[in-house]
Amino acid sequence: MLNNIGLPGLLLIAVVVLVLFGKGKVSALMGEVGKGITAFKKGVNDGTKEIETQSAEAAKDVTPTEKDKV
């Protein structure tokens, strides 16, 4: 169903949204969406760094056993 919207349909939806909510509300909403995306990306990067740090510390703490020395 959504595959058949096309560019004219998207433009019509955008015009209806602008008429219903006004320019100020739409720009404020898009600003909040941008802040949310930025916070999500920061969280993903922080999580990745934390995982890398923990795996590096775990690899450093592993000591070879007698079985591994042979």
C-alpha atoms as a PDB file:
ATOM      1  CA  MET A   1       0.000   0.000   0.000  1.00  0.00           C
ATOM      2  CA  LEU A   2       2.727   2.503   0.921  1.00  0.00           C
ATOM      3  CA  ASN A   3       4.774   1.583  -2.152  1.00  0.00           C
ATOM      4  CA  ASN A   4       2.328   3.469  -4.393  1.00  0.00           C
ATOM      5  CA  ILE A   5       2.464   6.885  -2.674  1.00  0.00           C
ATOM      6  CA  GLY A   6       5.066   8.497  -4.917  1.00  0.00           C
ATOM      7  CA  LEU A   7       6.313  12.082  -4.960  1.00  0.00           C
ATOM      8  CA  PRO A   8       2.945  13.782  -5.604  1.00  0.00           C
ATOM      9  CA  GLY A   9       1.408  11.926  -2.672  1.00  0.00           C
ATOM     10  CA  LEU A  10       4.253  12.926  -0.363  1.00  0.00           C
ATOM     11  CA  LEU A  11       3.932  16.561  -1.408  1.00  0.00           C
ATOM     12  CA  LEU A  12       0.191  16.464  -0.746  1.00  0.00           C
ATOM     13  CA  ILE A  13       0.790  14.982   2.707  1.00  0.00           C
ATOM     14  CA  ALA A  14       3.388  17.670   3.471  1.00  0.00           C
ATOM     15  CA  VAL A  15       0.988  20.454   2.440  1.00  0.00           C
ATOM     16  CA  VAL A  16      -1.814  18.998   4.575  1.00  0.00           C
ATOM     17  CA  VAL A  17       0.492  18.747   7.590  1.00  0.00           C
ATOM     18  CA  LEU A  18       1.618  22.362   7.128  1.00  0.00           C
ATOM     19  CA  VAL A  19      -1.986  23.562   6.866  1.00  0.00           C
ATOM     20  CA  LEU A  20      -3.125  21.608   9.923  1.00  0.00           C
ATOM     21  CA  PHE A  21      -0.246  22.344  12.272  1.00  0.00           C
ATOM     22  CA  GLY A  22       1.349  25.508  10.924  1.00  0.00           C
ATOM     23  CA  LYS A  23       4.968  26.282  10.151  1.00  0.00           C
ATOM     24  CA  GLY A  24       6.003  26.935  13.763  1.00  0.00           C
ATOM     25  CA  LYS A  25       4.759  23.613  15.119  1.00  0.00           C
ATOM     26  CA  VAL A  26       6.282  21.618  12.274  1.00  0.00           C
ATOM     27  CA  SER A  27       9.698  23.289  12.634  1.00  0.00           C
ATOM     28  CA  ALA A  28       9.637  22.744  16.415  1.00  0.00           C
ATOM     29  CA  LEU A  29       8.731  19.097  15.890  1.00  0.00           C
ATOM     30  CA  MET A  30      11.542  18.607  13.373  1.00  0.00           C
ATOM     31  CA  GLY A  31      13.974  20.243  15.808  1.00  0.00           C
ATOM     32  CA  GLU A  32      12.964  17.734  18.477  1.00  0.00           C
ATOM     33  CA  VAL A  33      13.322  14.870  16.006  1.00  0.00           C
ATOM     34  CA  GLY A  34      16.839  16.094  15.162  1.00  0.00           C
ATOM     35  CA  LYS A  35      17.766  16.241  18.849  1.00  0.00           C
ATOM     36  CA  GLY A  36      16.445  12.721  19.316  1.00  0.00           C
ATOM     37  CA  ILE A  37      18.477  11.385  16.404  1.00  0.00           C
ATOM     38  CA  THR A  38      21.610  13.095  17.741  1.00  0.00           C
ATOM     39  CA  ALA A  39      21.062  11.630  21.213  1.00  0.00           C
ATOM     40  CA  PHE A  40      20.496   8.161  19.721  1.00  0.00           C
ATOM     41  CA  LYS A  41      23.731   8.331  17.710  1.00  0.00           C
ATOM     42  CA  LYS A  42      25.650   9.510  20.788  1.00  0.00           C
ATOM     43  CA  GLY A  43      24.230   6.629  22.818  1.00  0.00           C
ATOM     44  CA  VAL A  44      25.194   4.092  20.164  1.00  0.00           C
ATOM     45  CA  ASN A  45      28.746   5.479  19.975  1.00  0.00           C
ATOM     46  CA  ASP A  46      29.103   5.475  23.770  1.00  0.00           C
ATOM     47  CA  GLY A  47      27.853   1.892  23.934  1.00  0.00           C
ATOM     48  CA  THR A  48      30.290   0.792  21.249  1.00  0.00           C
ATOM     49  CA  LYS A  49      33.211   2.448  23.048  1.00  0.00           C
ATOM     50  CA  GLU A  50      32.181   0.833  26.346  1.00  0.00           C
ATOM     51  CA  ILE A  51      32.025  -2.617  24.751  1.00  0.00           C
ATOM     52  CA  GLU A  52      35.444  -2.145  23.139  1.00  0.00           C
ATOM     53  CA  THR A  53      36.931  -0.990  26.455  1.00  0.00           C
ATOM     54  CA  GLN A  54      35.479  -3.942  28.347  1.00  0.00           C
ATOM     55  CA  SER A  55      36.660  -6.457  25.756  1.00  0.00           C
ATOM     56  CA  ALA A  56      40.171  -4.970  25.812  1.00  0.00           C
ATOM     57  CA  GLU A  57      40.256  -5.188  29.620  1.00  0.00           C
ATOM     58  CA  ALA A  58      38.965  -8.769  29.530  1.00  0.00           C
ATOM     59  CA  ALA A  59      41.617  -9.757  26.984  1.00  0.00           C
ATOM     60  CA  LYS A  60      44.310  -8.188  29.171  1.00  0.00           C
ATOM     61  CA  ASP A  61      43.123 -10.057  32.279  1.00  0.00           C
ATOM     62  CA  VAL A  62      43.256 -13.497  30.645  1.00  0.00           C
ATOM     63  CA  THR A  63      46.361 -15.414  31.693  1.00  0.00           C
ATOM     64  CA  PRO A  64      47.518 -18.482  29.786  1.00  0.00           C
ATOM     65  CA  THR A  65      47.039 -21.807  31.543  1.00  0.00           C
ATOM     66  CA  GLU A  66      49.400 -24.747  31.516  1.00  0.00           C
ATOM     67  CA  LYS A  67      47.329 -26.327  28.770  1.00  0.00           C
ATOM     68  CA  ASP A  68      47.749 -23.234  26.589  1.00  0.00           C
ATOM     69  CA  LYS A  69      51.527 -23.146  27.046  1.00  0.00           C
ATOM     70  CA  VAL A  70      52.084 -26.535  25.465  1.00  0.00           C
END
